[in-house]
Amino acid sequence: MTQEHVTPDAPQVTVRGEGRLEIDPELARIWVTVSARGTDRSAALADLTRRNAQVLELIKAQGSAVEKLETGSFSISPELTRKGRGERVHAFRGRVRVTAELSDFTVLGELVTRLADLELTSVDGPWWSLRPASPVYAEARRLAVTEAVARARAYAEALGTSLASLLELSDAGLAEPLMPRRAGFGSAAVAYSAEAAGEAPPLDLEPQRQTVTAEVVARFTMRPPAL
């Protein structure tokens, strides 16, 4: 804003508007880690392949509730003995990590329990989030603009005048929800393993509400007030 544009005949007001929404999440992400260990590389790899197939089959059986299913990483490595000279392999350890995103939370509790009941399989999550193209972001921006106009109008009315025109509207930022966090079950983070789950019933998982905030800066001209 340059000084020559500010005149008694065209006074200006600059305001900031904020839009804030709290909304239920649209997606839940879980990480499933499958492990295998054995003294024979081929046997360990075969166990890992079998367990990974069981995990994928169980997740795919949820049908349209699963929006994304990806294999994130795979590794198999030798474990060396700590005693003695030379490099002696005494075991092989393999691991596969699978990431799944679900949009139907009614199947989530049963799914994580059944996954955790598989051999050497652990589950982390869920992490709650919104879709990148969720309409809630546009709604937060709309609310921010509405507040900016209302705030500028209130200033103008306090001077006994009214707004004349909009000079500038800039996006001050859209605050994304915080990095997805693990859901709370009681006060502890939710992590599951086959050893702990046993024949446990489906977990009751409460979705974590998401907060989205948008901010704008708006500059208006006012009709000259009678001061």
C-alpha atoms as a PDB file:
ATOM      1  CA  MET A   1       0.000   0.000   0.000  1.00  0.00           C
ATOM      2  CA  THR A   2       1.540   3.320  -1.110  1.00  0.00           C
ATOM      3  CA  GLN A   3       0.920   6.599   0.639  1.00  0.00           C
ATOM      4  CA  GLU A   4      -0.525   8.427  -2.396  1.00  0.00           C
ATOM      5  CA  HIS A   5      -3.498   6.078  -2.504  1.00  0.00           C
ATOM      6  CA  VAL A   6      -4.560   7.076   1.009  1.00  0.00           C
ATOM      7  CA  THR A   7      -6.561  10.319   0.855  1.00  0.00           C
ATOM      8  CA  PRO A   8      -9.301  11.894   2.975  1.00  0.00           C
ATOM      9  CA  ASP A   9     -11.725  11.158   0.143  1.00  0.00           C
ATOM     10  CA  ALA A  10     -10.827   7.473   0.097  1.00  0.00           C
ATOM     11  CA  PRO A  11      -9.938   6.306   3.610  1.00  0.00           C
ATOM     12  CA  GLN A  12      -8.954   2.685   3.889  1.00  0.00           C
ATOM     13  CA  VAL A  13      -9.347  -0.084   6.404  1.00  0.00           C
ATOM     14  CA  THR A  14      -7.311  -3.292   6.476  1.00  0.00           C
ATOM     15  CA  VAL A  15      -8.544  -6.289   8.427  1.00  0.00           C
ATOM     16  CA  ARG A  16      -7.776  -9.946   8.976  1.00  0.00           C
ATOM     17  CA  GLY A  17     -10.451 -12.630   8.851  1.00  0.00           C
ATOM     18  CA  GLU A  18     -10.260 -16.181  10.183  1.00  0.00           C
ATOM     19  CA  GLY A  19     -12.349 -19.240   9.426  1.00  0.00           C
ATOM     20  CA  ARG A  20     -12.156 -22.219  11.766  1.00  0.00           C
ATOM     21  CA  LEU A  21     -13.916 -25.552  11.433  1.00  0.00           C
ATOM     22  CA  GLU A  22     -13.903 -28.719  13.510  1.00  0.00           C
ATOM     23  CA  ILE A  23     -14.998 -31.748  11.550  1.00  0.00           C
ATOM     24  CA  ASP A  24     -14.920 -35.508  11.781  1.00  0.00           C
ATOM     25  CA  PRO A  25     -12.013 -37.130   9.899  1.00  0.00           C
ATOM     26  CA  GLU A  26     -12.545 -38.661   6.483  1.00  0.00           C
ATOM     27  CA  LEU A  27      -9.677 -41.161   6.492  1.00  0.00           C
ATOM     28  CA  ALA A  28      -7.909 -43.432   8.953  1.00  0.00           C
ATOM     29  CA  ARG A  29      -4.397 -44.652   8.163  1.00  0.00           C
ATOM     30  CA  ILE A  30      -2.799 -47.729   9.700  1.00  0.00           C
ATOM     31  CA  TRP A  31       0.675 -49.201   9.357  1.00  0.00           C
ATOM     32  CA  VAL A  32       1.023 -52.962   9.376  1.00  0.00           C
ATOM     33  CA  THR A  33       4.473 -54.473   9.863  1.00  0.00           C
ATOM     34  CA  VAL A  34       5.002 -58.145   9.046  1.00  0.00           C
ATOM     35  CA  SER A  35       8.150 -59.888  10.299  1.00  0.00           C
ATOM     36  CA  ALA A  36       9.884 -63.237   9.875  1.00  0.00           C
ATOM     37  CA  ARG A  37      13.054 -64.700  11.328  1.00  0.00           C
ATOM     38  CA  GLY A  38      14.865 -67.993  10.759  1.00  0.00           C
ATOM     39  CA  THR A  39      18.216 -69.637  10.359  1.00  0.00           C
ATOM     40  CA  ASP A  40      17.590 -70.335   6.657  1.00  0.00           C
ATOM     41  CA  ARG A  41      17.215 -67.387   4.275  1.00  0.00           C
ATOM     42  CA  SER A  42      14.765 -69.143   1.961  1.00  0.00           C
ATOM     43  CA  ALA A  43      12.572 -70.319   4.837  1.00  0.00           C
ATOM     44  CA  ALA A  44      12.507 -66.845   6.400  1.00  0.00           C
ATOM     45  CA  LEU A  45      11.594 -65.308   3.045  1.00  0.00           C
ATOM     46  CA  ALA A  46       8.850 -67.898   2.513  1.00  0.00           C
ATOM     47  CA  ASP A  47       7.367 -67.136   5.948  1.00  0.00           C
ATOM     48  CA  LEU A  48       7.487 -63.422   5.225  1.00  0.00           C
ATOM     49  CA  THR A  49       5.782 -63.882   1.855  1.00  0.00           C
ATOM     50  CA  ARG A  50       3.023 -66.007   3.392  1.00  0.00           C
ATOM     51  CA  ARG A  51       2.345 -63.590   6.230  1.00  0.00           C
ATOM     52  CA  ASN A  52       2.365 -60.593   3.912  1.00  0.00           C
ATOM     53  CA  ALA A  53      -0.177 -62.326   1.666  1.00  0.00           C
ATOM     54  CA  GLN A  54      -2.431 -62.941   4.687  1.00  0.00           C
ATOM     55  CA  VAL A  55      -2.288 -59.259   5.622  1.00  0.00           C
ATOM     56  CA  LEU A  56      -3.090 -58.091   2.089  1.00  0.00           C
ATOM     57  CA  GLU A  57      -5.936 -60.587   1.764  1.00  0.00           C
ATOM     58  CA  LEU A  58      -7.493 -59.492   5.056  1.00  0.00           C
ATOM     59  CA  ILE A  59      -7.290 -55.784   4.175  1.00  0.00           C
ATOM     60  CA  LYS A  60      -8.608 -56.286   0.625  1.00  0.00           C
ATOM     61  CA  ALA A  61     -11.542 -58.240   2.037  1.00  0.00           C
ATOM     62  CA  GLN A  62     -12.844 -54.945   3.472  1.00  0.00           C
ATOM     63  CA  GLY A  63     -13.795 -53.930  -0.078  1.00  0.00           C
ATOM     64  CA  SER A  64     -14.710 -50.289  -0.700  1.00  0.00           C
ATOM     65  CA  ALA A  65     -13.890 -49.348   2.903  1.00  0.00           C
ATOM     66  CA  VAL A  66     -10.220 -49.367   1.836  1.00  0.00           C
ATOM     67  CA  GLU A  67      -9.276 -46.337  -0.259  1.00  0.00           C
ATOM     68  CA  LYS A  68      -5.552 -46.995  -0.514  1.00  0.00           C
ATOM     69  CA  LEU A  69      -3.303 -49.991   0.048  1.00  0.00           C
ATOM     70  CA  GLU A  70       0.453 -49.695  -0.446  1.00  0.00           C
ATOM     71  CA  THR A  71       3.587 -51.654   0.372  1.00  0.00           C
ATOM     72  CA  GLY A  72       5.952 -49.124   1.874  1.00  0.00           C
ATOM     73  CA  SER A  73       9.176 -51.048   2.415  1.00  0.00           C
ATOM     74  CA  PHE A  74      10.692 -54.522   2.333  1.00  0.00           C
ATOM     75  CA  SER A  75      13.908 -55.790   3.869  1.00  0.00           C
ATOM     76  CA  ILE A  76      15.630 -59.058   4.645  1.00  0.00           C
ATOM     77  CA  SER A  77      19.027 -59.041   6.283  1.00  0.00           C
ATOM     78  CA  PRO A  78      21.435 -61.411   7.999  1.00  0.00           C
ATOM     79  CA  GLU A  79      22.114 -61.282  11.727  1.00  0.00           C
ATOM     80  CA  LEU A  80      25.735 -61.895  12.625  1.00  0.00           C
ATOM     81  CA  THR A  81      26.986 -63.624  15.750  1.00  0.00           C
ATOM     82  CA  ARG A  82      28.505 -61.337  18.321  1.00  0.00           C
ATOM     83  CA  LYS A  83      31.041 -63.831  19.572  1.00  0.00           C
ATOM     84  CA  GLY A  84      33.963 -65.375  17.811  1.00  0.00           C
ATOM     85  CA  ARG A  85      36.025 -64.225  14.889  1.00  0.00           C
ATOM     86  CA  GLY A  86      34.870 -63.667  11.373  1.00  0.00           C
ATOM     87  CA  GLU A  87      31.437 -62.968   9.989  1.00  0.00           C
ATOM     88  CA  ARG A  88      29.069 -65.763  10.947  1.00  0.00           C
ATOM     89  CA  VAL A  89      25.383 -65.568  10.101  1.00  0.00           C
ATOM     90  CA  HIS A  90      23.174 -67.161  12.705  1.00  0.00           C
ATOM     91  CA  ALA A  91      19.769 -65.935  11.480  1.00  0.00           C
ATOM     92  CA  PHE A  92      17.931 -63.941   8.823  1.00  0.00           C
ATOM     93  CA  ARG A  93      15.347 -61.288   9.639  1.00  0.00           C
ATOM     94  CA  GLY A  94      12.769 -60.034   7.155  1.00  0.00           C
ATOM     95  CA  ARG A  95      10.219 -57.238   7.356  1.00  0.00           C
ATOM     96  CA  VAL A  96       7.476 -55.765   5.169  1.00  0.00           C
ATOM     97  CA  ARG A  97       5.515 -52.610   5.947  1.00  0.00           C
ATOM     98  CA  VAL A  98       2.039 -52.088   4.512  1.00  0.00           C
ATOM     99  CA  THR A  99       0.034 -48.859   4.694  1.00  0.00           C
ATOM    100  CA  ALA A 100      -3.756 -48.844   4.400  1.00  0.00           C
ATOM    101  CA  GLU A 101      -6.208 -45.943   4.350  1.00  0.00           C
ATOM    102  CA  LEU A 102      -9.838 -46.588   5.240  1.00  0.00           C
ATOM    103  CA  SER A 103     -12.860 -44.353   4.821  1.00  0.00           C
ATOM    104  CA  ASP A 104     -15.366 -46.612   6.600  1.00  0.00           C
ATOM    105  CA  PHE A 105     -14.493 -46.567  10.281  1.00  0.00           C
ATOM    106  CA  THR A 106     -17.093 -49.177  11.219  1.00  0.00           C
ATOM    107  CA  VAL A 107     -14.741 -51.949  10.080  1.00  0.00           C
ATOM    108  CA  LEU A 108     -11.615 -50.431  11.603  1.00  0.00           C
ATOM    109  CA  GLY A 109     -11.797 -51.877  15.105  1.00  0.00           C
ATOM    110  CA  GLU A 110     -12.339 -55.441  13.904  1.00  0.00           C
ATOM    111  CA  LEU A 111      -9.699 -55.110  11.189  1.00  0.00           C
ATOM    112  CA  VAL A 112      -6.867 -53.997  13.465  1.00  0.00           C
ATOM    113  CA  THR A 113      -7.682 -56.737  15.961  1.00  0.00           C
ATOM    114  CA  ARG A 114      -7.679 -59.444  13.283  1.00  0.00           C
ATOM    115  CA  LEU A 115      -4.470 -58.101  11.758  1.00  0.00           C
ATOM    116  CA  ALA A 116      -2.763 -58.075  15.144  1.00  0.00           C
ATOM    117  CA  ASP A 117      -3.801 -61.705  15.643  1.00  0.00           C
ATOM    118  CA  LEU A 118      -1.646 -62.796  12.702  1.00  0.00           C
ATOM    119  CA  GLU A 119       1.822 -64.284  13.229  1.00  0.00           C
ATOM    120  CA  LEU A 120       4.587 -61.750  13.946  1.00  0.00           C
ATOM    121  CA  THR A 121       2.399 -58.887  12.765  1.00  0.00           C
ATOM    122  CA  SER A 122       2.124 -55.506  14.447  1.00  0.00           C
ATOM    123  CA  VAL A 123      -0.279 -52.639  13.759  1.00  0.00           C
ATOM    124  CA  ASP A 124       0.277 -48.935  14.430  1.00  0.00           C
ATOM    125  CA  GLY A 125      -2.337 -46.219  14.233  1.00  0.00           C
ATOM    126  CA  PRO A 126      -4.838 -45.142  13.343  1.00  0.00           C
ATOM    127  CA  TRP A 127      -3.839 -41.681  12.140  1.00  0.00           C
ATOM    128  CA  TRP A 128      -6.890 -39.595  11.311  1.00  0.00           C
ATOM    129  CA  SER A 129      -6.992 -37.078   8.451  1.00  0.00           C
ATOM    130  CA  LEU A 130      -9.050 -35.304   5.799  1.00  0.00           C
ATOM    131  CA  ARG A 131      -8.800 -35.899   2.077  1.00  0.00           C
ATOM    132  CA  PRO A 132      -6.498 -33.389   0.314  1.00  0.00           C
ATOM    133  CA  ALA A 133      -9.437 -32.187  -1.830  1.00  0.00           C
ATOM    134  CA  SER A 134     -11.936 -32.072   1.026  1.00  0.00           C
ATOM    135  CA  PRO A 135     -14.544 -29.294   0.611  1.00  0.00           C
ATOM    136  CA  VAL A 136     -13.927 -28.301   4.239  1.00  0.00           C
ATOM    137  CA  TYR A 137     -10.857 -26.306   3.127  1.00  0.00           C
ATOM    138  CA  ALA A 138     -12.939 -24.168   0.761  1.00  0.00           C
ATOM    139  CA  GLU A 139     -15.545 -23.693   3.487  1.00  0.00           C
ATOM    140  CA  ALA A 140     -12.873 -22.484   5.925  1.00  0.00           C
ATOM    141  CA  ARG A 141     -11.701 -19.916   3.357  1.00  0.00           C
ATOM    142  CA  ARG A 142     -15.282 -18.750   2.788  1.00  0.00           C
ATOM    143  CA  LEU A 143     -15.749 -18.246   6.519  1.00  0.00           C
ATOM    144  CA  ALA A 144     -12.495 -16.280   6.677  1.00  0.00           C
ATOM    145  CA  VAL A 145     -13.675 -13.908   3.940  1.00  0.00           C
ATOM    146  CA  THR A 146     -17.073 -13.516   5.619  1.00  0.00           C
ATOM    147  CA  GLU A 147     -15.415 -12.573   8.900  1.00  0.00           C
ATOM    148  CA  ALA A 148     -13.074 -10.097   7.189  1.00  0.00           C
ATOM    149  CA  VAL A 149     -16.009  -8.298   5.542  1.00  0.00           C
ATOM    150  CA  ALA A 150     -17.963  -8.248   8.802  1.00  0.00           C
ATOM    151  CA  ARG A 151     -14.983  -6.896  10.724  1.00  0.00           C
ATOM    152  CA  ALA A 152     -14.285  -4.144   8.173  1.00  0.00           C
ATOM    153  CA  ARG A 153     -17.978  -3.208   8.116  1.00  0.00           C
ATOM    154  CA  ALA A 154     -17.979  -2.959  11.920  1.00  0.00           C
ATOM    155  CA  TYR A 155     -15.040  -0.538  11.823  1.00  0.00           C
ATOM    156  CA  ALA A 156     -16.765   1.564   9.171  1.00  0.00           C
ATOM    157  CA  GLU A 157     -20.017   1.660  11.143  1.00  0.00           C
ATOM    158  CA  ALA A 158     -18.099   2.724  14.248  1.00  0.00           C
ATOM    159  CA  LEU A 159     -17.046   5.786  12.240  1.00  0.00           C
ATOM    160  CA  GLY A 160     -20.591   6.397  11.074  1.00  0.00           C
ATOM    161  CA  THR A 161     -19.908   5.401   7.495  1.00  0.00           C
ATOM    162  CA  SER A 162     -19.878   2.307   5.256  1.00  0.00           C
ATOM    163  CA  LEU A 163     -17.562   0.334   3.003  1.00  0.00           C
ATOM    164  CA  ALA A 164     -17.168   1.527  -0.573  1.00  0.00           C
ATOM    165  CA  SER A 165     -15.033  -1.020  -2.422  1.00  0.00           C
ATOM    166  CA  LEU A 166     -12.622  -3.901  -2.014  1.00  0.00           C
ATOM    167  CA  LEU A 167      -9.054  -3.017  -2.931  1.00  0.00           C
ATOM    168  CA  GLU A 168      -7.228  -6.218  -2.081  1.00  0.00           C
ATOM    169  CA  LEU A 169      -7.863  -9.707  -0.729  1.00  0.00           C
ATOM    170  CA  SER A 170      -4.893 -11.917   0.077  1.00  0.00           C
ATOM    171  CA  ASP A 171      -4.645 -15.429   1.447  1.00  0.00           C
ATOM    172  CA  ALA A 172      -2.765 -15.289   4.735  1.00  0.00           C
ATOM    173  CA  GLY A 173      -2.604 -19.047   4.955  1.00  0.00           C
ATOM    174  CA  LEU A 174      -4.528 -22.248   5.402  1.00  0.00           C
ATOM    175  CA  ALA A 175      -3.598 -24.168   8.497  1.00  0.00           C
ATOM    176  CA  GLU A 176      -3.735 -27.870   7.746  1.00  0.00           C
ATOM    177  CA  PRO A 177      -4.740 -30.228  10.532  1.00  0.00           C
ATOM    178  CA  LEU A 178      -1.831 -31.227  12.715  1.00  0.00           C
ATOM    179  CA  MET A 179       0.289 -34.151  11.614  1.00  0.00           C
ATOM    180  CA  PRO A 180      -1.818 -37.257  11.987  1.00  0.00           C
ATOM    181  CA  ARG A 181      -1.573 -38.657  15.469  1.00  0.00           C
ATOM    182  CA  ARG A 182      -2.264 -42.068  16.779  1.00  0.00           C
ATOM    183  CA  ALA A 183      -5.702 -42.453  18.183  1.00  0.00           C
ATOM    184  CA  GLY A 184      -5.972 -42.582  21.918  1.00  0.00           C
ATOM    185  CA  PHE A 185      -7.377 -45.667  23.626  1.00  0.00           C
ATOM    186  CA  GLY A 186      -7.590 -44.536  27.190  1.00  0.00           C
ATOM    187  CA  SER A 187      -4.447 -42.460  27.631  1.00  0.00           C
ATOM    188  CA  ALA A 188      -2.091 -44.695  25.646  1.00  0.00           C
ATOM    189  CA  ALA A 189      -1.128 -44.655  21.996  1.00  0.00           C
ATOM    190  CA  VAL A 190      -2.755 -47.445  20.053  1.00  0.00           C
ATOM    191  CA  ALA A 191      -0.304 -50.121  18.967  1.00  0.00           C
ATOM    192  CA  TYR A 192      -1.151 -53.759  18.583  1.00  0.00           C
ATOM    193  CA  SER A 193       0.725 -57.002  18.278  1.00  0.00           C
ATOM    194  CA  ALA A 194      -0.305 -60.605  17.932  1.00  0.00           C
ATOM    195  CA  GLU A 195       1.073 -61.424  21.368  1.00  0.00           C
ATOM    196  CA  ALA A 196      -1.072 -58.750  23.045  1.00  0.00           C
ATOM    197  CA  ALA A 197      -4.256 -59.076  21.013  1.00  0.00           C
ATOM    198  CA  GLY A 198      -4.944 -62.792  21.312  1.00  0.00           C
ATOM    199  CA  GLU A 199      -8.659 -63.378  20.836  1.00  0.00           C
ATOM    200  CA  ALA A 200      -9.599 -59.858  21.900  1.00  0.00           C
ATOM    201  CA  PRO A 201     -12.918 -58.459  20.652  1.00  0.00           C
ATOM    202  CA  PRO A 202     -12.917 -55.583  18.134  1.00  0.00           C
ATOM    203  CA  LEU A 203     -11.528 -52.371  19.576  1.00  0.00           C
ATOM    204  CA  ASP A 204     -13.839 -49.397  19.972  1.00  0.00           C
ATOM    205  CA  LEU A 205     -11.925 -46.567  18.266  1.00  0.00           C
ATOM    206  CA  GLU A 206     -13.259 -43.009  18.438  1.00  0.00           C
ATOM    207  CA  PRO A 207     -12.303 -40.812  15.445  1.00  0.00           C
ATOM    208  CA  GLN A 208     -10.260 -37.741  16.339  1.00  0.00           C
ATOM    209  CA  ARG A 209     -11.910 -34.515  15.143  1.00  0.00           C
ATOM    210  CA  GLN A 210      -9.876 -32.350  12.765  1.00  0.00           C
ATOM    211  CA  THR A 211      -9.453 -28.569  13.035  1.00  0.00           C
ATOM    212  CA  VAL A 212      -8.915 -26.558   9.852  1.00  0.00           C
ATOM    213  CA  THR A 213      -8.133 -22.824   9.973  1.00  0.00           C
ATOM    214  CA  ALA A 214      -7.924 -20.321   7.102  1.00  0.00           C
ATOM    215  CA  GLU A 215      -6.893 -16.665   7.265  1.00  0.00           C
ATOM    216  CA  VAL A 216      -7.238 -13.785   4.808  1.00  0.00           C
ATOM    217  CA  VAL A 217      -6.186 -10.128   4.806  1.00  0.00           C
ATOM    218  CA  ALA A 218      -8.608  -7.713   3.135  1.00  0.00           C
ATOM    219  CA  ARG A 219      -8.283  -3.992   2.334  1.00  0.00           C
ATOM    220  CA  PHE A 220     -11.309  -1.815   1.694  1.00  0.00           C
ATOM    221  CA  THR A 221     -12.037   1.820   0.969  1.00  0.00           C
ATOM    222  CA  MET A 222     -14.671   3.606   3.050  1.00  0.00           C
ATOM    223  CA  ARG A 223     -16.922   6.498   2.283  1.00  0.00           C
ATOM    224  CA  PRO A 224     -15.517   9.556   4.062  1.00  0.00           C
ATOM    225  CA  PRO A 225     -16.861   9.678   7.599  1.00  0.00           C
ATOM    226  CA  ALA A 226     -18.130  12.873   9.170  1.00  0.00           C
ATOM    227  CA  LEU A 227     -15.701  13.269  12.066  1.00  0.00           C
END
